[in-house]
Amino acid sequence: MIRQLVFPVHRTAPWAAIGAAGATGLLLAALTRTGETAEQLSLYLLRAAILAFAVGLAFLLDDPARHTTAVVPTRRPVRIALRTALAVPATAAWWTVALLLVPPGVRPPVADITLEAGAAFVLAVAGAAAAVRFSEVTRPGPPVAGALLTTAVLTLLFWPGRLALFVPVQDERWAAAHERWAVVLGGAVLLGLVCTVEPLRRRIRL
């Protein structure tokens, strides 16, 4: 059954939105090669690229036919897992290219910045899964993308410094910040798993 679903799911996935976000992200990463000032901002440009691609992933579960496919025998966890699995290779390839676009001399620690990217990507998909789980929307992408952008801005402006997530490489809080990023990633994974569960059928009131 899974093999039979691969092509239809791949064909209906919103690759155009994800591709546009990915292209924007790669453009931001490529800006690190345009001059000394851009190189000094490489970490921030790469983080902006991560956010751009995460916004694209927020559209991964958009499905105009959602209420039609809800009655098919394939359960929601399988459908969501299949879409996510199809996006993983593209995401890995995109991230590899984004890293390679940043000059080696100004490239942030790969493991740590990859942790940030993974947390952002998983959070975007988990947010879409939550929107599907707790609402009737067929296109969760736009509101989730908006929420993701708003959260990023508010975190930059108002998040307590002692719990900072977005810190420079030279900052003494770098290691502690990435411990917190690991918590964000774990929480996003847990949220995604919980939200893929089929809701209980509401009892019909007479």
Foldseek 3Di string as FASTA:
>chain_A
DLVVVLVVLVVQFPVVLLVVLLVVLLVLLLQCPVDDVSLVCNVVSNVVSLLSNLLSLLQGQQAPCVVVCPPDPDAQLSSLVSSVVVCVVVVVVSVVSSQVSRPPVSRADPVLVVLLSLLSNLLSSLQSLQCVQPHVDNGSSPVSSVVSVVVVVCLVVPPDPVQHQDDDRPDPCSVVNSVVSNVSSVVSVVSSVVSSDHDDDDDDDD
